[in-house]
Protein backbone atom coordinates (compact mmCIF):
# COMPACT_ATOMS: atom_id res chain seq x y z
CA UNK A 1 38.38 -11.44 -22.93
CA UNK A 2 37.69 -13.70 -25.93
CA UNK A 3 34.55 -13.07 -27.97
CA UNK A 4 34.81 -16.34 -29.92
CA UNK A 5 31.40 -18.06 -29.90
CA UNK A 6 31.20 -21.21 -27.82
CA UNK A 7 31.09 -24.10 -30.37
CA UNK A 8 28.54 -25.92 -28.22
CA UNK A 9 26.02 -23.17 -28.83
CA UNK A 10 26.63 -22.44 -32.53
CA UNK A 11 23.55 -23.04 -34.64
CA UNK A 12 21.33 -22.80 -31.57
CA UNK A 13 20.19 -19.18 -31.73
CA UNK A 14 16.87 -18.56 -30.05
CA UNK A 15 14.74 -20.83 -27.87
CA UNK A 16 14.96 -24.57 -28.51
CA UNK A 17 12.05 -26.52 -29.97
CA UNK A 18 11.22 -30.10 -29.17
CA UNK A 19 10.34 -32.75 -31.76
CA UNK A 20 6.76 -31.49 -31.90
CA UNK A 21 7.81 -27.85 -32.29
CA UNK A 22 6.98 -26.85 -28.72
CA UNK A 23 8.95 -24.11 -26.98
CA UNK A 24 9.86 -23.95 -23.26
CA UNK A 25 7.88 -21.13 -21.64
CA UNK A 26 7.20 -22.38 -18.11
CA UNK A 27 9.55 -23.85 -15.53
CA UNK A 28 8.15 -25.55 -12.45
CA UNK A 29 10.75 -25.69 -9.69
CA UNK A 30 10.37 -28.25 -6.92
CA UNK A 31 12.29 -27.07 -3.86
CA UNK A 32 11.56 -30.11 -1.68
CA UNK A 33 10.03 -33.56 -1.91
CA UNK A 34 8.60 -33.24 1.60
CA UNK A 35 5.08 -32.20 2.52
CA UNK A 36 3.08 -31.70 5.71
CA UNK A 37 -0.07 -33.05 3.99
CA UNK A 38 -0.76 -36.59 2.82
CA UNK A 39 -3.23 -35.97 0.01
CA UNK A 40 -4.70 -39.24 -1.23
CA UNK A 41 -4.03 -38.40 -4.90
CA UNK A 42 -0.39 -37.47 -4.36
CA UNK A 43 1.22 -38.82 -1.15
CA UNK A 44 -1.17 -41.34 0.44
CA UNK A 45 -0.23 -41.84 4.09
CA UNK A 46 -0.24 -45.62 3.87
CA UNK A 47 2.75 -45.41 1.51
CA UNK A 48 4.44 -42.17 2.54
CA UNK A 49 4.36 -42.80 6.27
CA UNK A 50 6.58 -41.88 9.17
CA UNK A 51 9.41 -44.12 7.98
CA UNK A 52 9.45 -43.05 4.33
CA UNK A 53 12.94 -41.99 3.21
CA UNK A 54 12.82 -38.55 1.64
CA UNK A 55 15.84 -36.95 -0.01
CA UNK A 56 18.75 -36.08 2.30
CA UNK A 57 19.57 -32.39 2.49
CA UNK A 58 22.84 -32.80 0.59
CA UNK A 59 21.02 -34.09 -2.49
CA UNK A 60 18.60 -31.18 -2.74
CA UNK A 61 19.59 -28.20 -4.87
CA UNK A 62 20.74 -25.15 -2.96
CA UNK A 63 18.95 -21.89 -3.67
CA UNK A 64 21.95 -20.49 -5.53
CA UNK A 65 21.99 -23.60 -7.75
CA UNK A 66 18.27 -23.29 -8.47
CA UNK A 67 18.71 -19.63 -9.37
CA UNK A 68 21.61 -20.37 -11.70
CA UNK A 69 19.63 -23.03 -13.56
CA UNK A 70 16.51 -20.87 -13.66
CA UNK A 71 18.53 -18.07 -15.24
CA UNK A 72 19.66 -20.40 -18.00
CA UNK A 73 16.08 -21.53 -18.63
CA UNK A 74 14.97 -17.91 -18.86
CA UNK A 75 17.68 -17.21 -21.43
CA UNK A 76 16.24 -20.14 -23.39
CA UNK A 77 12.80 -18.54 -23.52
CA UNK A 78 11.13 -19.41 -20.20
CA UNK A 79 9.03 -16.50 -18.93
CA UNK A 80 7.16 -18.07 -16.02
CA UNK A 81 8.69 -19.63 -12.91
CA UNK A 82 6.49 -21.57 -10.51
CA UNK A 83 7.83 -22.73 -7.14
CA UNK A 84 6.41 -26.07 -6.05
CA UNK A 85 7.24 -29.08 -3.91
CA UNK A 86 6.22 -31.35 -2.25
CA UNK A 87 5.01 -28.45 -0.19
CA UNK A 88 7.42 -25.57 -0.88
CA UNK A 89 6.67 -23.69 2.35
CA UNK A 90 8.24 -26.47 4.44
CA UNK A 91 11.63 -25.48 2.98
CA UNK A 92 13.41 -23.00 5.24
CA UNK A 93 14.04 -19.40 4.18
CA UNK A 94 11.85 -19.64 1.07
CA UNK A 95 11.69 -15.82 0.67
CA UNK A 96 15.45 -15.92 0.04
CA UNK A 97 14.90 -18.04 -3.06
CA UNK A 98 12.03 -15.83 -4.21
CA UNK A 99 14.27 -12.77 -3.91
CA UNK A 100 16.94 -14.43 -6.05
CA UNK A 101 14.50 -15.62 -8.72
CA UNK A 102 12.79 -12.23 -8.84
CA UNK A 103 16.13 -10.64 -9.75
CA UNK A 104 16.43 -12.66 -12.98
CA UNK A 105 15.84 -10.39 -15.95
CA UNK A 106 13.08 -11.69 -18.21
CA UNK A 107 10.89 -13.35 -15.57
CA UNK A 108 7.37 -12.11 -16.22
CA UNK A 109 5.49 -14.31 -13.77
CA UNK A 110 6.85 -15.68 -10.47
CA UNK A 111 4.33 -17.82 -8.65
CA UNK A 112 3.97 -20.37 -5.87
CA UNK A 113 1.74 -23.42 -5.54
CA UNK A 114 1.04 -24.31 -1.92
CA UNK A 115 -1.43 -26.05 0.34
CA UNK A 116 -1.84 -22.73 2.15
CA UNK A 117 -1.08 -24.01 5.63
CA UNK A 118 1.87 -21.63 6.19
CA UNK A 119 0.63 -18.56 4.32
CA UNK A 120 -0.50 -16.68 7.43
CA UNK A 121 3.18 -16.39 8.36
CA UNK A 122 4.82 -16.40 4.95
CA UNK A 123 2.52 -14.45 2.62
CA UNK A 124 3.86 -10.99 3.46
CA UNK A 125 7.57 -11.99 3.42
CA UNK A 126 7.08 -13.76 0.10
CA UNK A 127 5.35 -10.73 -1.41
CA UNK A 128 8.08 -8.44 -0.10
CA UNK A 129 10.69 -10.71 -1.70
CA UNK A 130 9.08 -10.34 -5.13
CA UNK A 131 6.55 -13.17 -5.46
CA UNK A 132 3.73 -12.16 -7.80
CA UNK A 133 0.89 -14.48 -6.81
CA UNK A 134 -0.08 -17.83 -5.31
CA UNK A 135 -2.15 -20.85 -6.22
CA UNK A 136 -3.62 -22.72 -3.27
CA UNK A 137 -4.67 -26.37 -3.44
CA UNK A 138 -8.07 -26.79 -1.76
CA UNK A 139 -10.37 -29.69 -2.55
CA UNK A 140 -13.44 -28.94 -0.43
CA UNK A 141 -15.03 -26.45 1.96
CA UNK A 142 -16.47 -29.32 3.96
CA UNK A 143 -14.07 -29.79 6.87
CA UNK A 144 -14.50 -33.57 7.00
CA UNK A 145 -13.96 -33.96 3.25
CA UNK A 146 -10.99 -31.60 3.38
CA UNK A 147 -9.35 -33.65 6.14
CA UNK A 148 -10.06 -36.92 4.32
CA UNK A 149 -8.50 -35.71 1.07
CA UNK A 150 -5.55 -33.93 2.70
CA UNK A 151 -4.83 -36.95 4.89
CA UNK A 152 -4.09 -34.92 8.00
CA UNK A 153 -5.86 -33.66 11.10
CA UNK A 154 -5.71 -29.95 10.31
CA UNK A 155 -8.72 -27.63 10.37
CA UNK A 156 -9.87 -26.20 7.05
CA UNK A 157 -9.93 -22.79 8.75
CA UNK A 158 -6.13 -22.69 8.77
CA UNK A 159 -5.98 -22.89 4.98
CA UNK A 160 -8.77 -20.34 4.54
CA UNK A 161 -6.88 -17.99 6.85
CA UNK A 162 -3.75 -18.49 4.76
CA UNK A 163 -5.67 -17.61 1.61
CA UNK A 164 -6.91 -14.42 3.26
CA UNK A 165 -3.33 -13.57 4.24
CA UNK A 166 -2.17 -14.04 0.66
CA UNK A 167 -4.81 -11.65 -0.62
CA UNK A 168 -3.97 -9.10 2.07
CA UNK A 169 -0.30 -9.29 1.07
CA UNK A 170 -1.16 -8.49 -2.55
CA UNK A 171 -0.43 -11.94 -3.96
CA UNK A 172 -3.27 -11.66 -6.43
CA UNK A 173 -5.12 -12.89 -8.26
CA UNK A 174 -5.30 -15.82 -5.87
CA UNK A 175 -6.05 -19.05 -7.71
CA UNK A 176 -7.58 -22.12 -6.10
CA UNK A 177 -6.90 -25.62 -7.45
CA UNK A 178 -9.49 -28.31 -6.71
CA UNK A 179 -8.76 -31.92 -7.64
CA UNK A 180 -12.09 -33.69 -8.18
CA UNK A 181 -12.40 -37.39 -7.39
CA UNK A 182 -15.55 -39.41 -7.96
CA UNK A 183 -17.18 -40.62 -4.75
CA UNK A 184 -15.06 -38.34 -2.59
CA UNK A 185 -15.62 -34.64 -3.26
CA UNK A 186 -17.78 -34.14 -6.36
CA UNK A 187 -20.52 -32.83 -4.05
CA UNK A 188 -18.17 -29.90 -3.37
CA UNK A 189 -18.02 -28.75 -7.00
CA UNK A 190 -20.86 -26.22 -6.83
CA UNK A 191 -20.20 -25.02 -3.24
CA UNK A 192 -16.59 -24.32 -4.21
CA UNK A 193 -17.76 -22.35 -7.25
CA UNK A 194 -20.15 -20.32 -5.09
CA UNK A 195 -17.47 -19.54 -2.51
CA UNK A 196 -14.81 -18.61 -5.08
CA UNK A 197 -17.10 -16.34 -7.12
CA UNK A 198 -18.39 -14.59 -3.99
CA UNK A 199 -14.84 -14.11 -2.69
CA UNK A 200 -13.35 -13.12 -6.03
CA UNK A 201 -10.94 -16.05 -6.40
CA UNK A 202 -10.18 -17.87 -9.66
CA UNK A 203 -11.12 -21.52 -9.27
CA UNK A 204 -9.50 -24.28 -11.30
CA UNK A 205 -11.03 -27.75 -11.28
CA UNK A 206 -8.53 -30.53 -12.03
CA UNK A 207 -9.48 -33.97 -13.26
CA UNK A 208 -8.06 -36.71 -11.04
CA UNK A 209 -4.91 -37.85 -12.87
CA UNK A 210 -2.77 -40.98 -12.94
CA UNK A 211 0.37 -39.16 -11.85
CA UNK A 212 2.94 -41.47 -10.32
CA UNK A 213 2.03 -45.01 -9.31
CA UNK A 214 1.02 -44.67 -5.66
CA UNK A 215 -2.45 -43.13 -5.73
CA UNK A 216 -4.44 -46.14 -6.92
CA UNK A 217 -5.81 -44.25 -9.92
CA UNK A 218 -8.76 -45.69 -11.82
CA UNK A 219 -10.58 -44.13 -14.75
CA UNK A 220 -13.86 -44.66 -12.89
CA UNK A 221 -12.66 -42.15 -10.27
CA UNK A 222 -12.38 -39.35 -12.85
CA UNK A 223 -15.15 -36.76 -12.99
CA UNK A 224 -14.87 -35.48 -16.58
CA UNK A 225 -14.37 -31.78 -17.12
CA UNK A 226 -17.56 -31.59 -19.20
CA UNK A 227 -19.56 -32.94 -16.26
CA UNK A 228 -17.96 -30.42 -13.90
CA UNK A 229 -18.80 -27.52 -16.21
CA UNK A 230 -22.38 -28.73 -16.63
CA UNK A 231 -22.88 -28.78 -12.85
CA UNK A 232 -21.49 -25.27 -12.40
CA UNK A 233 -23.34 -23.93 -15.43
CA UNK A 234 -26.65 -25.20 -14.05
CA UNK A 235 -26.10 -23.17 -10.89
CA UNK A 236 -24.31 -20.17 -12.38
CA UNK A 237 -24.58 -19.83 -16.18
CA UNK A 238 -21.25 -19.75 -17.99
CA UNK A 239 -19.76 -18.80 -21.34
CA UNK A 240 -16.45 -19.70 -22.95
CA UNK A 241 -13.34 -17.57 -22.48
CA UNK A 242 -10.32 -17.46 -24.75
CA UNK A 243 -6.97 -18.64 -23.35
CA UNK A 244 -4.81 -16.04 -21.66
CA UNK A 245 -1.81 -17.28 -23.64
CA UNK A 246 -0.79 -20.01 -26.06
CA UNK A 247 -0.40 -23.31 -24.24
CA UNK A 248 -2.62 -22.45 -21.26
CA UNK A 249 -3.71 -25.76 -19.78
CA UNK A 250 -7.07 -24.69 -18.35
CA UNK A 251 -10.22 -24.34 -20.43
CA UNK A 252 -11.62 -21.05 -19.15
CA UNK A 253 -15.21 -19.95 -18.60
CA UNK A 254 -16.72 -16.79 -17.16
CA UNK A 255 -20.00 -16.23 -15.39
CA UNK A 256 -22.62 -14.51 -17.52
CA UNK A 257 -23.36 -12.11 -14.67
CA UNK A 258 -19.73 -10.95 -14.65
CA UNK A 259 -18.86 -12.47 -11.27
CA UNK A 260 -15.50 -13.89 -12.29
CA UNK A 261 -14.26 -17.03 -13.98
CA UNK A 262 -13.45 -20.69 -13.52
CA UNK A 263 -11.31 -23.14 -15.42
CA UNK A 264 -11.04 -26.87 -15.94
CA UNK A 265 -7.79 -28.76 -16.41
CA UNK A 266 -8.97 -31.89 -18.22
CA UNK A 267 -5.76 -33.82 -18.79
CA UNK A 268 -7.58 -37.15 -18.92
CA UNK A 269 -10.63 -36.42 -21.09
CA UNK A 270 -9.32 -33.48 -23.17
CA UNK A 271 -5.50 -33.72 -23.38
CA UNK A 272 -3.53 -30.60 -24.21
CA UNK A 273 -0.10 -32.13 -24.85
CA UNK A 274 0.23 -30.50 -28.25
CA UNK A 275 0.71 -27.05 -26.74
CA UNK A 276 2.57 -28.03 -23.57
CA UNK A 277 5.41 -25.62 -22.81
CA UNK A 278 6.34 -26.85 -19.33
CA UNK A 279 9.68 -28.03 -18.07
CA UNK A 280 10.06 -29.37 -14.54
CA UNK A 281 13.10 -29.19 -12.27
CA UNK A 282 12.99 -31.68 -9.39
CA UNK A 283 14.32 -30.94 -5.93
CA UNK A 284 17.45 -33.02 -6.61
CA UNK A 285 18.13 -31.27 -9.91
CA UNK A 286 16.64 -33.51 -12.56
CA UNK A 287 14.97 -31.98 -15.61
CA UNK A 288 11.68 -33.66 -16.52
CA UNK A 289 9.91 -32.80 -19.75
CA UNK A 290 6.54 -34.35 -18.85
CA UNK A 291 4.47 -34.71 -15.69
CA UNK A 292 4.13 -38.42 -16.49
CA UNK A 293 7.80 -39.09 -17.23
CA UNK A 294 9.70 -41.98 -15.66
CA UNK A 295 13.20 -40.54 -16.04
CA UNK A 296 14.78 -37.10 -16.08
CA UNK A 297 18.05 -35.49 -17.14
CA UNK A 298 20.54 -34.95 -14.32
CA UNK A 299 21.59 -31.31 -14.05
CA UNK A 300 22.92 -31.45 -10.50
CA UNK A 301 25.99 -33.57 -11.26
CA UNK A 302 27.34 -31.32 -14.03
CA UNK A 303 26.38 -28.25 -12.02
CA UNK A 304 28.37 -29.40 -9.01
CA UNK A 305 31.26 -30.75 -11.07
CA UNK A 306 32.06 -27.27 -12.39
CA UNK A 307 30.38 -27.27 -15.81
CA UNK A 308 29.91 -23.68 -16.97
CA UNK A 309 26.63 -22.08 -18.03
CA UNK A 310 27.26 -22.82 -21.70
CA UNK A 311 27.67 -26.51 -20.92
CA UNK A 312 24.52 -26.57 -18.79
CA UNK A 313 22.61 -24.76 -21.52
CA UNK A 314 23.76 -27.30 -24.08
CA UNK A 315 22.55 -30.12 -21.83
CA UNK A 316 19.15 -28.47 -21.37
CA UNK A 317 18.84 -27.82 -25.11
CA UNK A 318 19.61 -31.45 -25.86
CA UNK A 319 17.01 -32.71 -23.39
CA UNK A 320 14.32 -30.36 -24.68
CA UNK A 321 15.22 -30.98 -28.31
CA UNK A 322 14.74 -34.74 -27.81
CA UNK A 323 11.34 -34.22 -26.15
CA UNK A 324 8.40 -35.94 -27.79
CA UNK A 325 6.24 -36.47 -24.68
CA UNK A 326 2.48 -36.59 -25.11
CA UNK A 327 1.40 -39.10 -22.50
CA UNK A 328 -2.14 -37.78 -22.01
CA UNK A 329 -2.87 -38.06 -25.72
CA UNK A 330 -1.55 -41.63 -25.78
CA UNK A 331 -3.01 -42.76 -22.43
CA UNK A 332 -4.38 -46.31 -22.70
CA UNK A 333 -4.68 -49.51 -20.75
CA UNK A 334 -1.12 -50.34 -21.81
CA UNK A 335 0.38 -47.10 -20.48
CA UNK A 336 -1.36 -46.34 -17.17
CA UNK A 337 0.72 -48.93 -15.29
CA UNK A 338 4.10 -47.85 -16.66
CA UNK A 339 6.67 -46.47 -14.17
CA UNK A 340 6.30 -42.72 -13.58
CA UNK A 341 7.85 -40.21 -11.23
CA UNK A 342 5.61 -39.35 -8.28
CA UNK A 343 3.88 -35.97 -8.37
CA UNK A 344 5.36 -34.76 -5.09
CA UNK A 345 8.83 -35.05 -6.66
CA UNK A 346 8.15 -32.64 -9.54
CA UNK A 347 5.35 -30.46 -8.27
CA UNK A 348 2.39 -31.49 -10.39
């Protein structure tokens, strides 16, 4: 067997850096563009209705294809894999993918973001397959507000039961993501903090973002992270926490009485583009280097045409090396209406 170095990879030792010197550390993997919720900030029902044409099965990456690409990303320095959607639990046999991803040497964190509706059934099989932990999207503990924001007629209790199942299966620490939208659920900010601290969950507040073009985003709808923290601090005094790792997107705070922590992801009012280490793989195999991107790099076509791992790695290196995305830092009246991929397609 020849040991001659592949010329496509010469001069590329080590992880690639983009034009701002950022390294790839996190890969978010969308396994489907479908979802059983119709959250108003992601897939509003008036646009993504019964007749909306989602991707045909043949265009979605197979689990073996996802695993092959994920392995290449890990060799390029990625340490964290997050499975997303759409809603990833609507994809059949999801534990099979988890088992394959868990077998990749070098993966330090294998996680899942979900709406929690299927966790009662899937939490234990996912944990047995090698999943480390879950993040559950939950925007209110008020059943009416929850139904309004999720866009479906499903009881809040089903999601809470799924969260309990995840904890029982050992998928901890369980994180809760709450998108905050002015005039809709800001009254839930403190009740959510109280519930999460009493239950021992890590709560992350997320500023309402202009992801995609379908959610009718307006700056007036954003509750700034500083306002969120002030509300929680008034009820439960807080102090700053240092990031867990370089490039962590949440500003972290802990309760002075030691009852846990919260975080705020303030992409609108306090952008963190400069340290962003995330790559995103869409369900149809496109590599996106920013949540707010309009176009990706096709990896499915070369993958299915027989390109070897070295060729795929070279394509990924080229895409990452050309990356200069920093949309949140440049956000302005002239950019918010530009074309962007919808969040359900690349997992947020």
